Amino acid sequence: MEASGLGFRYGEVELFQNLDFALHEREIRVVLGPSGSGKTTLLHLLAGLLALQAGDVRWLGQSIGDLSEEQLARQRLYFTGLVFQHHYLQAELTALENILVPGYLANQVDPAWGLELLNRVGLLDRAHLFPKALSGGERQRIAVARALYNRPKLLLADEPTGSLDRRNAEKVLGLMLSLAQEIGTAVIVATHDEHLVQGLPELRLA
């Protein structure tokens, strides 16, 4: 993924301008900044969820600005995985079924891979449980597994541990990064928690 000359403003408020960076297989980048600095906006631009105002974003050399909405949605399904502060699990689906959702959307349903992901995040024995029976940390680990189901090239995580206590936050972040490394996925983590991501390469927003 490459971003060049990226800029965005809300009305008179300029969040950032002329951002240039690239991310390759298995690389990790942390976006740091206080609330309101544009971290979520930046991730939405990189995911093609928000229209570009200035600059360009390229996935595997393809400018996302040249894609139709339908093409972009299809490409996003395979290219990006998304993890948010809230897990956004489907209450009526089991842990395994939640992980398989991207597979149904892509017509690539593989229960064995879903179970393997459950095993990787330490929740194989929770496969049959619904979200209400899981702890906050467990739900977020399911969300991470779901985001990586389609083996995306890029994982975008927006405050993925913001609602967790320190112990669970460290566990979820560690699992997310190690699993992404195994799959070959590049990762961008947006957070305000500098201590949690200490030592990782960073991109700082004002």
N, C-alpha and C. Protein backbone atom coordinates (compact mmCIF):
# COMPACT_ATOMS: atom_id res chain seq x y z
N MET A 1 0.84 -1.18 0.00
CA MET A 1 0.00 0.00 0.00
C MET A 1 0.88 1.24 0.00
N GLU A 2 0.55 2.20 -0.87
CA GLU A 2 1.28 3.45 -0.92
C GLU A 2 0.33 4.62 -0.77
N ALA A 3 0.70 5.59 0.04
CA ALA A 3 -0.04 6.83 0.18
C ALA A 3 0.89 7.96 -0.23
N SER A 4 0.40 8.88 -1.06
CA SER A 4 1.24 9.99 -1.50
C SER A 4 0.44 11.30 -1.48
N GLY A 5 1.03 12.32 -0.88
CA GLY A 5 0.41 13.64 -0.84
C GLY A 5 -0.95 13.66 -0.17
N LEU A 6 -1.16 12.76 0.77
CA LEU A 6 -2.49 12.60 1.36
C LEU A 6 -2.82 13.78 2.28
N GLY A 7 -4.01 14.34 2.09
CA GLY A 7 -4.46 15.44 2.93
C GLY A 7 -5.95 15.37 3.14
N PHE A 8 -6.41 15.93 4.26
CA PHE A 8 -7.84 15.92 4.53
C PHE A 8 -8.19 17.05 5.49
N ARG A 9 -9.35 17.67 5.22
CA ARG A 9 -9.84 18.72 6.11
C ARG A 9 -11.36 18.59 6.27
N TYR A 10 -11.82 18.96 7.45
CA TYR A 10 -13.25 19.09 7.73
C TYR A 10 -13.55 20.57 7.82
N GLY A 11 -14.20 21.13 6.81
CA GLY A 11 -14.46 22.56 6.81
C GLY A 11 -13.15 23.34 6.84
N GLU A 12 -13.00 24.16 7.87
CA GLU A 12 -11.78 24.95 8.01
C GLU A 12 -10.68 24.23 8.78
N VAL A 13 -11.00 23.05 9.30
CA VAL A 13 -10.04 22.32 10.12
C VAL A 13 -9.24 21.36 9.25
N GLU A 14 -7.95 21.60 9.15
CA GLU A 14 -7.09 20.71 8.40
C GLU A 14 -6.49 19.67 9.34
N LEU A 15 -6.80 18.39 9.07
CA LEU A 15 -6.32 17.32 9.94
C LEU A 15 -4.87 16.96 9.63
N PHE A 16 -4.55 16.84 8.36
CA PHE A 16 -3.18 16.53 7.96
C PHE A 16 -3.02 16.88 6.49
N GLN A 17 -1.79 17.01 6.05
CA GLN A 17 -1.52 17.30 4.65
C GLN A 17 -0.19 16.69 4.22
N ASN A 18 -0.10 16.39 2.93
CA ASN A 18 1.14 15.89 2.32
C ASN A 18 1.74 14.69 3.04
N LEU A 19 0.89 13.74 3.43
CA LEU A 19 1.40 12.51 4.05
C LEU A 19 1.87 11.56 2.95
N ASP A 20 3.09 11.07 3.10
CA ASP A 20 3.66 10.11 2.16
C ASP A 20 4.23 8.93 2.94
N PHE A 21 3.78 7.75 2.66
CA PHE A 21 4.39 6.56 3.25
C PHE A 21 3.94 5.31 2.48
N ALA A 22 4.70 4.26 2.64
CA ALA A 22 4.38 2.98 1.98
C ALA A 22 4.51 1.86 3.00
N LEU A 23 3.78 0.81 2.76
CA LEU A 23 3.81 -0.34 3.67
C LEU A 23 3.91 -1.60 2.83
N HIS A 24 4.81 -2.49 3.22
CA HIS A 24 5.03 -3.73 2.48
C HIS A 24 4.65 -4.93 3.33
N GLU A 25 4.73 -6.09 2.75
CA GLU A 25 4.31 -7.33 3.41
C GLU A 25 4.96 -7.48 4.79
N ARG A 26 4.13 -7.75 5.78
CA ARG A 26 4.52 -7.99 7.16
C ARG A 26 5.04 -6.75 7.90
N GLU A 27 5.04 -5.59 7.28
CA GLU A 27 5.47 -4.39 7.98
C GLU A 27 4.38 -3.88 8.91
N ILE A 28 4.80 -3.19 9.95
CA ILE A 28 3.88 -2.64 10.95
C ILE A 28 4.13 -1.14 11.07
N ARG A 29 3.05 -0.38 11.12
CA ARG A 29 3.17 1.06 11.33
C ARG A 29 2.11 1.47 12.36
N VAL A 30 2.52 2.28 13.31
CA VAL A 30 1.60 2.78 14.34
C VAL A 30 1.29 4.24 14.05
N VAL A 31 0.01 4.59 14.03
CA VAL A 31 -0.42 5.98 13.88
C VAL A 31 -0.77 6.50 15.26
N LEU A 32 0.02 7.46 15.73
CA LEU A 32 -0.17 8.01 17.07
C LEU A 32 -0.74 9.43 16.99
N GLY A 33 -1.53 9.78 17.97
CA GLY A 33 -2.07 11.13 18.03
C GLY A 33 -3.24 11.19 18.99
N PRO A 34 -3.52 12.37 19.53
CA PRO A 34 -4.64 12.52 20.47
C PRO A 34 -5.97 12.41 19.74
N SER A 35 -7.04 12.34 20.51
CA SER A 35 -8.38 12.30 19.95
C SER A 35 -8.61 13.55 19.09
N GLY A 36 -9.15 13.34 17.89
CA GLY A 36 -9.42 14.46 17.00
C GLY A 36 -8.29 14.82 16.07
N SER A 37 -7.19 14.07 16.12
CA SER A 37 -6.03 14.40 15.29
C SER A 37 -6.14 13.83 13.87
N GLY A 38 -7.12 12.96 13.64
CA GLY A 38 -7.33 12.43 12.30
C GLY A 38 -6.95 10.98 12.11
N LYS A 39 -6.71 10.25 13.19
CA LYS A 39 -6.28 8.85 13.07
C LYS A 39 -7.33 8.00 12.35
N THR A 40 -8.57 8.10 12.79
CA THR A 40 -9.65 7.32 12.18
C THR A 40 -9.87 7.75 10.74
N THR A 41 -9.83 9.05 10.49
CA THR A 41 -9.99 9.56 9.13
C THR A 41 -8.92 8.99 8.21
N LEU A 42 -7.69 8.95 8.67
CA LEU A 42 -6.60 8.42 7.87
C LEU A 42 -6.85 6.95 7.54
N LEU A 43 -7.24 6.15 8.51
CA LEU A 43 -7.50 4.74 8.26
C LEU A 43 -8.66 4.55 7.28
N HIS A 44 -9.68 5.39 7.40
CA HIS A 44 -10.82 5.30 6.48
C HIS A 44 -10.41 5.65 5.05
N LEU A 45 -9.49 6.59 4.90
CA LEU A 45 -8.98 6.93 3.57
C LEU A 45 -8.19 5.75 2.99
N LEU A 46 -7.35 5.16 3.82
CA LEU A 46 -6.53 4.03 3.36
C LEU A 46 -7.38 2.82 3.00
N ALA A 47 -8.54 2.69 3.67
CA ALA A 47 -9.44 1.57 3.41
C ALA A 47 -10.42 1.85 2.27
N GLY A 48 -10.39 3.06 1.75
CA GLY A 48 -11.34 3.42 0.70
C GLY A 48 -12.75 3.61 1.20
N LEU A 49 -12.89 3.87 2.50
CA LEU A 49 -14.21 4.09 3.09
C LEU A 49 -14.60 5.56 3.06
N LEU A 50 -13.63 6.41 2.74
CA LEU A 50 -13.83 7.86 2.69
C LEU A 50 -13.21 8.36 1.40
N ALA A 51 -13.91 9.25 0.70
CA ALA A 51 -13.41 9.75 -0.58
C ALA A 51 -12.16 10.60 -0.37
N LEU A 52 -11.19 10.42 -1.25
CA LEU A 52 -9.95 11.18 -1.17
C LEU A 52 -10.21 12.65 -1.50
N GLN A 53 -9.60 13.55 -0.72
CA GLN A 53 -9.66 14.98 -1.01
C GLN A 53 -8.39 15.46 -1.70
N ALA A 54 -7.25 14.96 -1.24
CA ALA A 54 -5.96 15.34 -1.81
C ALA A 54 -5.03 14.14 -1.74
N GLY A 55 -4.24 13.94 -2.78
CA GLY A 55 -3.30 12.84 -2.79
C GLY A 55 -3.90 11.56 -3.35
N ASP A 56 -3.18 10.48 -3.15
CA ASP A 56 -3.57 9.21 -3.75
C ASP A 56 -3.25 8.06 -2.80
N VAL A 57 -4.02 7.00 -2.90
CA VAL A 57 -3.76 5.74 -2.19
C VAL A 57 -3.75 4.63 -3.23
N ARG A 58 -2.72 3.81 -3.20
CA ARG A 58 -2.59 2.73 -4.18
C ARG A 58 -2.49 1.39 -3.46
N TRP A 59 -3.30 0.45 -3.93
CA TRP A 59 -3.25 -0.92 -3.43
C TRP A 59 -2.58 -1.78 -4.51
N LEU A 60 -1.44 -2.35 -4.20
CA LEU A 60 -0.72 -3.17 -5.17
C LEU A 60 -0.54 -2.43 -6.49
N GLY A 61 -0.26 -1.12 -6.41
CA GLY A 61 -0.01 -0.31 -7.59
C GLY A 61 -1.24 0.29 -8.23
N GLN A 62 -2.44 -0.11 -7.79
CA GLN A 62 -3.69 0.38 -8.35
C GLN A 62 -4.23 1.54 -7.53
N SER A 63 -4.43 2.69 -8.18
CA SER A 63 -5.01 3.83 -7.49
C SER A 63 -6.47 3.54 -7.16
N ILE A 64 -6.84 3.65 -5.89
CA ILE A 64 -8.22 3.36 -5.52
C ILE A 64 -9.17 4.43 -6.04
N GLY A 65 -8.63 5.60 -6.37
CA GLY A 65 -9.46 6.65 -6.94
C GLY A 65 -9.96 6.33 -8.34
N ASP A 66 -9.32 5.35 -8.99
CA ASP A 66 -9.72 4.96 -10.35
C ASP A 66 -10.77 3.85 -10.34
N LEU A 67 -11.13 3.37 -9.16
CA LEU A 67 -12.07 2.26 -9.06
C LEU A 67 -13.50 2.77 -8.84
N SER A 68 -14.46 2.07 -9.41
CA SER A 68 -15.86 2.37 -9.12
C SER A 68 -16.18 1.92 -7.71
N GLU A 69 -17.32 2.34 -7.19
CA GLU A 69 -17.72 1.94 -5.84
C GLU A 69 -17.82 0.42 -5.73
N GLU A 70 -18.35 -0.20 -6.76
CA GLU A 70 -18.49 -1.66 -6.75
C GLU A 70 -17.13 -2.34 -6.79
N GLN A 71 -16.24 -1.85 -7.65
CA GLN A 71 -14.89 -2.41 -7.73
C GLN A 71 -14.13 -2.22 -6.42
N LEU A 72 -14.28 -1.05 -5.84
CA LEU A 72 -13.60 -0.74 -4.59
C LEU A 72 -14.07 -1.65 -3.47
N ALA A 73 -15.38 -1.86 -3.37
CA ALA A 73 -15.93 -2.73 -2.33
C ALA A 73 -15.43 -4.16 -2.50
N ARG A 74 -15.34 -4.60 -3.74
CA ARG A 74 -14.88 -5.97 -4.01
C ARG A 74 -13.40 -6.12 -3.67
N GLN A 75 -12.61 -5.13 -4.09
CA GLN A 75 -11.18 -5.16 -3.80
C GLN A 75 -10.92 -5.09 -2.31
N ARG A 76 -11.69 -4.26 -1.62
CA ARG A 76 -11.51 -4.09 -0.18
C ARG A 76 -11.71 -5.41 0.56
N LEU A 77 -12.63 -6.20 0.09
CA LEU A 77 -12.95 -7.47 0.73
C LEU A 77 -11.73 -8.38 0.78
N TYR A 78 -10.88 -8.29 -0.23
CA TYR A 78 -9.70 -9.15 -0.29
C TYR A 78 -8.43 -8.45 0.19
N PHE A 79 -8.37 -7.13 0.01
CA PHE A 79 -7.13 -6.41 0.29
C PHE A 79 -7.01 -5.97 1.73
N THR A 80 -8.12 -5.60 2.36
CA THR A 80 -8.05 -5.04 3.72
C THR A 80 -8.84 -5.87 4.72
N GLY A 81 -8.34 -5.87 5.95
CA GLY A 81 -9.07 -6.38 7.10
C GLY A 81 -9.21 -5.21 8.08
N LEU A 82 -10.35 -5.13 8.75
CA LEU A 82 -10.61 -4.00 9.62
C LEU A 82 -10.92 -4.47 11.04
N VAL A 83 -10.28 -3.82 12.01
CA VAL A 83 -10.56 -4.07 13.43
C VAL A 83 -10.81 -2.72 14.09
N PHE A 84 -11.90 -2.64 14.85
CA PHE A 84 -12.27 -1.38 15.49
C PHE A 84 -12.21 -1.52 17.01
N GLN A 85 -12.43 -0.39 17.69
CA GLN A 85 -12.42 -0.41 19.15
C GLN A 85 -13.53 -1.31 19.68
N HIS A 86 -14.69 -1.26 19.03
CA HIS A 86 -15.79 -2.16 19.38
C HIS A 86 -15.73 -3.35 18.44
N HIS A 87 -16.04 -4.52 18.94
CA HIS A 87 -15.86 -5.74 18.15
C HIS A 87 -16.83 -5.88 16.99
N TYR A 88 -18.04 -5.32 17.11
CA TYR A 88 -19.06 -5.41 16.06
C TYR A 88 -19.35 -6.84 15.62
N LEU A 89 -19.40 -7.76 16.58
CA LEU A 89 -19.79 -9.13 16.27
C LEU A 89 -21.31 -9.20 16.10
N GLN A 90 -21.76 -10.15 15.29
CA GLN A 90 -23.18 -10.37 15.11
C GLN A 90 -23.71 -11.20 16.28
N ALA A 91 -24.64 -10.63 17.03
CA ALA A 91 -25.12 -11.26 18.26
C ALA A 91 -25.77 -12.62 18.01
N GLU A 92 -26.37 -12.78 16.82
CA GLU A 92 -27.11 -14.03 16.54
C GLU A 92 -26.22 -15.12 15.96
N LEU A 93 -24.93 -14.83 15.78
CA LEU A 93 -24.00 -15.81 15.23
C LEU A 93 -23.03 -16.29 16.30
N THR A 94 -22.59 -17.54 16.19
CA THR A 94 -21.59 -18.07 17.12
C THR A 94 -20.23 -17.45 16.81
N ALA A 95 -19.26 -17.75 17.67
CA ALA A 95 -17.90 -17.24 17.46
C ALA A 95 -17.37 -17.69 16.10
N LEU A 96 -17.52 -18.96 15.78
CA LEU A 96 -17.05 -19.47 14.50
C LEU A 96 -17.80 -18.82 13.34
N GLU A 97 -19.09 -18.71 13.46
CA GLU A 97 -19.89 -18.12 12.37
C GLU A 97 -19.50 -16.66 12.14
N ASN A 98 -19.18 -15.94 13.19
CA ASN A 98 -18.75 -14.55 13.04
C ASN A 98 -17.44 -14.48 12.25
N ILE A 99 -16.53 -15.39 12.52
CA ILE A 99 -15.26 -15.40 11.81
C ILE A 99 -15.46 -15.72 10.33
N LEU A 100 -16.45 -16.53 10.02
CA LEU A 100 -16.70 -16.96 8.64
C LEU A 100 -17.42 -15.92 7.80
N VAL A 101 -17.93 -14.85 8.40
CA VAL A 101 -18.70 -13.85 7.66
C VAL A 101 -17.96 -13.33 6.42
N PRO A 102 -16.68 -12.93 6.51
CA PRO A 102 -15.99 -12.47 5.29
C PRO A 102 -15.92 -13.54 4.22
N GLY A 103 -15.86 -14.81 4.63
CA GLY A 103 -15.83 -15.90 3.68
C GLY A 103 -17.13 -16.02 2.90
N TYR A 104 -18.25 -15.81 3.60
CA TYR A 104 -19.54 -15.83 2.91
C TYR A 104 -19.63 -14.68 1.90
N LEU A 105 -19.13 -13.51 2.28
CA LEU A 105 -19.17 -12.36 1.38
C LEU A 105 -18.30 -12.58 0.15
N ALA A 106 -17.21 -13.32 0.33
CA ALA A 106 -16.27 -13.57 -0.78
C ALA A 106 -16.51 -14.91 -1.47
N ASN A 107 -17.57 -15.62 -1.05
CA ASN A 107 -17.85 -16.96 -1.59
C ASN A 107 -16.65 -17.90 -1.40
N GLN A 108 -16.01 -17.79 -0.24
CA GLN A 108 -14.88 -18.65 0.07
C GLN A 108 -15.00 -19.14 1.52
N VAL A 109 -16.02 -19.90 1.79
CA VAL A 109 -16.28 -20.36 3.15
C VAL A 109 -15.44 -21.60 3.44
N ASP A 110 -14.62 -21.50 4.47
CA ASP A 110 -13.72 -22.59 4.84
C ASP A 110 -13.76 -22.76 6.36
N PRO A 111 -14.69 -23.57 6.87
CA PRO A 111 -14.81 -23.74 8.32
C PRO A 111 -13.53 -24.21 8.98
N ALA A 112 -12.74 -25.01 8.29
CA ALA A 112 -11.48 -25.50 8.86
C ALA A 112 -10.52 -24.34 9.13
N TRP A 113 -10.46 -23.39 8.20
CA TRP A 113 -9.62 -22.20 8.40
C TRP A 113 -10.18 -21.34 9.53
N GLY A 114 -11.49 -21.24 9.63
CA GLY A 114 -12.11 -20.51 10.74
C GLY A 114 -11.75 -21.12 12.08
N LEU A 115 -11.78 -22.45 12.16
CA LEU A 115 -11.40 -23.13 13.39
C LEU A 115 -9.91 -22.97 13.69
N GLU A 116 -9.11 -22.95 12.64
CA GLU A 116 -7.67 -22.73 12.83
C GLU A 116 -7.41 -21.34 13.40
N LEU A 117 -8.12 -20.35 12.89
CA LEU A 117 -7.98 -18.98 13.42
C LEU A 117 -8.44 -18.92 14.88
N LEU A 118 -9.53 -19.60 15.18
CA LEU A 118 -9.99 -19.67 16.57
C LEU A 118 -8.91 -20.27 17.46
N ASN A 119 -8.28 -21.30 16.96
CA ASN A 119 -7.20 -21.94 17.71
C ASN A 119 -6.02 -20.99 17.90
N ARG A 120 -5.68 -20.23 16.85
CA ARG A 120 -4.55 -19.31 16.92
C ARG A 120 -4.78 -18.21 17.96
N VAL A 121 -6.03 -17.80 18.14
CA VAL A 121 -6.31 -16.76 19.14
C VAL A 121 -6.72 -17.36 20.48
N GLY A 122 -6.55 -18.68 20.61
CA GLY A 122 -6.77 -19.34 21.89
C GLY A 122 -8.21 -19.53 22.30
N LEU A 123 -9.11 -19.59 21.30
CA LEU A 123 -10.54 -19.67 21.63
C LEU A 123 -11.25 -20.83 20.92
N LEU A 124 -10.52 -21.89 20.63
CA LEU A 124 -11.12 -23.02 19.93
C LEU A 124 -12.29 -23.60 20.70
N ASP A 125 -12.19 -23.60 22.02
CA ASP A 125 -13.27 -24.16 22.84
C ASP A 125 -14.48 -23.22 22.95
N ARG A 126 -14.39 -22.05 22.33
CA ARG A 126 -15.50 -21.07 22.35
C ARG A 126 -16.25 -21.04 21.01
N ALA A 127 -15.90 -21.93 20.10
CA ALA A 127 -16.45 -21.88 18.74
C ALA A 127 -17.97 -21.83 18.69
N HIS A 128 -18.63 -22.54 19.60
CA HIS A 128 -20.09 -22.67 19.58
C HIS A 128 -20.81 -21.59 20.38
N LEU A 129 -20.05 -20.73 21.04
CA LEU A 129 -20.67 -19.74 21.93
C LEU A 129 -21.06 -18.47 21.17
N PHE A 130 -22.10 -17.82 21.66
CA PHE A 130 -22.53 -16.54 21.10
C PHE A 130 -21.79 -15.40 21.81
N PRO A 131 -21.68 -14.23 21.19
CA PRO A 131 -20.93 -13.12 21.77
C PRO A 131 -21.30 -12.78 23.21
N LYS A 132 -22.58 -12.90 23.57
CA LYS A 132 -22.99 -12.53 24.92
C LYS A 132 -22.35 -13.42 25.98
N ALA A 133 -21.87 -14.60 25.58
CA ALA A 133 -21.23 -15.53 26.51
C ALA A 133 -19.72 -15.33 26.58
N LEU A 134 -19.20 -14.37 25.83
CA LEU A 134 -17.76 -14.13 25.78
C LEU A 134 -17.38 -12.85 26.52
N SER A 135 -16.17 -12.81 27.02
CA SER A 135 -15.68 -11.59 27.68
C SER A 135 -15.30 -10.56 26.61
N GLY A 136 -15.04 -9.34 27.06
CA GLY A 136 -14.66 -8.29 26.13
C GLY A 136 -13.39 -8.62 25.37
N GLY A 137 -12.40 -9.14 26.07
CA GLY A 137 -11.16 -9.53 25.43
C GLY A 137 -11.35 -10.65 24.43
N GLU A 138 -12.21 -11.61 24.77
CA GLU A 138 -12.48 -12.73 23.86
C GLU A 138 -13.20 -12.24 22.60
N ARG A 139 -14.14 -11.33 22.77
CA ARG A 139 -14.85 -10.80 21.61
C ARG A 139 -13.89 -10.08 20.67
N GLN A 140 -12.96 -9.34 21.23
CA GLN A 140 -12.03 -8.62 20.38
C GLN A 140 -11.07 -9.57 19.67
N ARG A 141 -10.72 -10.66 20.31
CA ARG A 141 -9.88 -11.66 19.65
C ARG A 141 -10.62 -12.33 18.49
N ILE A 142 -11.92 -12.53 18.66
CA ILE A 142 -12.75 -13.04 17.57
C ILE A 142 -12.78 -12.03 16.42
N ALA A 143 -12.88 -10.74 16.76
CA ALA A 143 -12.90 -9.69 15.73
C ALA A 143 -11.59 -9.67 14.95
N VAL A 144 -10.48 -9.90 15.63
CA VAL A 144 -9.17 -9.97 14.96
C VAL A 144 -9.13 -11.15 14.00
N ALA A 145 -9.58 -12.30 14.47
CA ALA A 145 -9.61 -13.50 13.62
C ALA A 145 -10.50 -13.27 12.40
N ARG A 146 -11.63 -12.64 12.61
CA ARG A 146 -12.55 -12.35 11.48
C ARG A 146 -11.87 -11.44 10.46
N ALA A 147 -11.16 -10.41 10.94
CA ALA A 147 -10.50 -9.46 10.04
C ALA A 147 -9.42 -10.12 9.19
N LEU A 148 -8.84 -11.19 9.71
CA LEU A 148 -7.75 -11.86 8.99
C LEU A 148 -8.21 -13.09 8.20
N TYR A 149 -9.51 -13.36 8.24
CA TYR A 149 -10.02 -14.58 7.60
C TYR A 149 -9.67 -14.67 6.12
N ASN A 150 -9.83 -13.57 5.38
CA ASN A 150 -9.57 -13.58 3.94
C ASN A 150 -8.10 -13.37 3.61
N ARG A 151 -7.25 -13.49 4.61
CA ARG A 151 -5.79 -13.30 4.43
C ARG A 151 -5.50 -11.98 3.70
N PRO A 152 -5.96 -10.86 4.26
CA PRO A 152 -5.80 -9.58 3.57
C PRO A 152 -4.34 -9.15 3.48
N LYS A 153 -4.05 -8.30 2.51
CA LYS A 153 -2.71 -7.74 2.38
C LYS A 153 -2.44 -6.69 3.45
N LEU A 154 -3.52 -6.02 3.89
CA LEU A 154 -3.37 -4.91 4.84
C LEU A 154 -4.43 -5.02 5.93
N LEU A 155 -4.00 -4.94 7.19
CA LEU A 155 -4.91 -4.93 8.33
C LEU A 155 -4.88 -3.53 8.93
N LEU A 156 -6.06 -2.92 9.04
CA LEU A 156 -6.21 -1.59 9.61
C LEU A 156 -6.93 -1.71 10.95
N ALA A 157 -6.26 -1.33 12.02
CA ALA A 157 -6.83 -1.49 13.36
C ALA A 157 -6.97 -0.12 14.02
N ASP A 158 -8.20 0.29 14.28
CA ASP A 158 -8.49 1.61 14.83
C ASP A 158 -8.79 1.50 16.32
N GLU A 159 -7.84 1.88 17.16
CA GLU A 159 -7.97 1.77 18.61
C GLU A 159 -8.47 0.38 19.00
N PRO A 160 -7.84 -0.68 18.51
CA PRO A 160 -8.38 -2.04 18.71
C PRO A 160 -8.41 -2.51 20.15
N THR A 161 -7.66 -1.83 21.03
CA THR A 161 -7.63 -2.25 22.44
C THR A 161 -8.17 -1.16 23.35
N GLY A 162 -8.81 -0.15 22.76
CA GLY A 162 -9.24 1.01 23.54
C GLY A 162 -10.25 0.70 24.63
N SER A 163 -11.02 -0.37 24.47
CA SER A 163 -12.06 -0.70 25.46
C SER A 163 -11.62 -1.81 26.42
N LEU A 164 -10.34 -2.20 26.34
CA LEU A 164 -9.85 -3.33 27.15
C LEU A 164 -8.93 -2.86 28.27
N ASP A 165 -8.84 -3.66 29.33
CA ASP A 165 -7.86 -3.37 30.37
C ASP A 165 -6.46 -3.68 29.85
N ARG A 166 -5.43 -3.25 30.59
CA ARG A 166 -4.06 -3.35 30.11
C ARG A 166 -3.67 -4.78 29.75
N ARG A 167 -4.02 -5.72 30.62
CA ARG A 167 -3.63 -7.12 30.37
C ARG A 167 -4.23 -7.64 29.08
N ASN A 168 -5.53 -7.41 28.90
CA ASN A 168 -6.19 -7.88 27.69
C ASN A 168 -5.73 -7.10 26.47
N ALA A 169 -5.46 -5.82 26.65
CA ALA A 169 -4.98 -5.00 25.54
C ALA A 169 -3.67 -5.53 24.99
N GLU A 170 -2.75 -5.84 25.89
CA GLU A 170 -1.46 -6.38 25.46
C GLU A 170 -1.62 -7.73 24.79
N LYS A 171 -2.53 -8.55 25.32
CA LYS A 171 -2.75 -9.88 24.75
C LYS A 171 -3.34 -9.79 23.35
N VAL A 172 -4.36 -8.94 23.18
CA VAL A 172 -5.01 -8.80 21.88
C VAL A 172 -4.04 -8.22 20.85
N LEU A 173 -3.28 -7.19 21.24
CA LEU A 173 -2.33 -6.60 20.30
C LEU A 173 -1.26 -7.61 19.89
N GLY A 174 -0.74 -8.35 20.86
CA GLY A 174 0.27 -9.35 20.57
C GLY A 174 -0.23 -10.43 19.62
N LEU A 175 -1.45 -10.91 19.88
CA LEU A 175 -2.03 -11.94 19.02
C LEU A 175 -2.26 -11.40 17.62
N MET A 176 -2.75 -10.17 17.53
CA MET A 176 -3.04 -9.57 16.23
C MET A 176 -1.77 -9.43 15.39
N LEU A 177 -0.72 -8.92 16.00
CA LEU A 177 0.52 -8.70 15.26
C LEU A 177 1.19 -10.01 14.88
N SER A 178 1.20 -11.00 15.79
CA SER A 178 1.85 -12.28 15.48
C SER A 178 1.08 -13.04 14.41
N LEU A 179 -0.24 -13.01 14.47
CA LEU A 179 -1.05 -13.70 13.47
C LEU A 179 -0.91 -13.05 12.10
N ALA A 180 -0.87 -11.72 12.09
CA ALA A 180 -0.68 -11.00 10.82
C ALA A 180 0.68 -11.35 10.21
N GLN A 181 1.69 -11.47 11.05
CA GLN A 181 3.02 -11.84 10.57
C GLN A 181 3.00 -13.21 9.92
N GLU A 182 2.30 -14.16 10.54
CA GLU A 182 2.22 -15.51 9.99
C GLU A 182 1.56 -15.51 8.62
N ILE A 183 0.51 -14.71 8.47
CA ILE A 183 -0.25 -14.69 7.22
C ILE A 183 0.47 -13.87 6.15
N GLY A 184 1.34 -12.94 6.57
CA GLY A 184 2.04 -12.08 5.62
C GLY A 184 1.36 -10.75 5.42
N THR A 185 0.54 -10.34 6.40
CA THR A 185 -0.24 -9.12 6.31
C THR A 185 0.50 -7.94 6.91
N ALA A 186 0.46 -6.80 6.21
CA ALA A 186 0.97 -5.56 6.77
C ALA A 186 -0.08 -4.98 7.72
N VAL A 187 0.36 -4.25 8.73
CA VAL A 187 -0.56 -3.77 9.77
C VAL A 187 -0.36 -2.28 10.04
N ILE A 188 -1.47 -1.56 10.13
CA ILE A 188 -1.46 -0.19 10.63
C ILE A 188 -2.37 -0.13 11.85
N VAL A 189 -1.81 0.28 12.97
CA VAL A 189 -2.57 0.39 14.22
C VAL A 189 -2.67 1.87 14.61
N ALA A 190 -3.88 2.37 14.73
CA ALA A 190 -4.09 3.74 15.19
C ALA A 190 -4.42 3.69 16.68
N THR A 191 -3.71 4.48 17.47
CA THR A 191 -3.93 4.47 18.92
C THR A 191 -3.42 5.76 19.54
N HIS A 192 -3.91 6.04 20.74
CA HIS A 192 -3.36 7.16 21.52
C HIS A 192 -2.49 6.62 22.65
N ASP A 193 -2.43 5.29 22.78
CA ASP A 193 -1.70 4.65 23.88
C ASP A 193 -0.25 4.38 23.46
N GLU A 194 0.61 5.34 23.70
CA GLU A 194 2.01 5.22 23.27
C GLU A 194 2.75 4.09 23.98
N HIS A 195 2.41 3.85 25.24
CA HIS A 195 3.11 2.82 26.00
C HIS A 195 2.82 1.43 25.45
N LEU A 196 1.60 1.22 24.98
CA LEU A 196 1.19 -0.09 24.48
C LEU A 196 1.98 -0.47 23.23
N VAL A 197 2.31 0.51 22.41
CA VAL A 197 2.96 0.23 21.12
C VAL A 197 4.41 0.71 21.10
N GLN A 198 4.98 0.89 22.26
CA GLN A 198 6.35 1.40 22.37
C GLN A 198 7.31 0.51 21.59
N GLY A 199 8.17 1.15 20.79
CA GLY A 199 9.17 0.41 20.03
C GLY A 199 8.77 0.07 18.62
N LEU A 200 7.48 0.26 18.27
CA LEU A 200 7.01 -0.02 16.90
C LEU A 200 7.18 1.23 16.04
N PRO A 201 7.42 1.07 14.73
CA PRO A 201 7.57 2.22 13.84
C PRO A 201 6.31 3.07 13.86
N GLU A 202 6.44 4.38 13.90
CA GLU A 202 5.28 5.23 14.09
C GLU A 202 5.14 6.32 13.04
N LEU A 203 3.90 6.75 12.87
CA LEU A 203 3.54 7.92 12.09
C LEU A 203 2.71 8.78 13.02
N ARG A 204 3.20 9.96 13.34
CA ARG A 204 2.56 10.78 14.38
C ARG A 204 1.74 11.91 13.74
N LEU A 205 0.47 12.00 14.18
CA LEU A 205 -0.40 13.10 13.77
C LEU A 205 -0.46 14.13 14.89
N ALA A 206 -0.59 15.38 14.54
CA ALA A 206 -0.60 16.45 15.55
C ALA A 206 -1.80 16.35 16.47
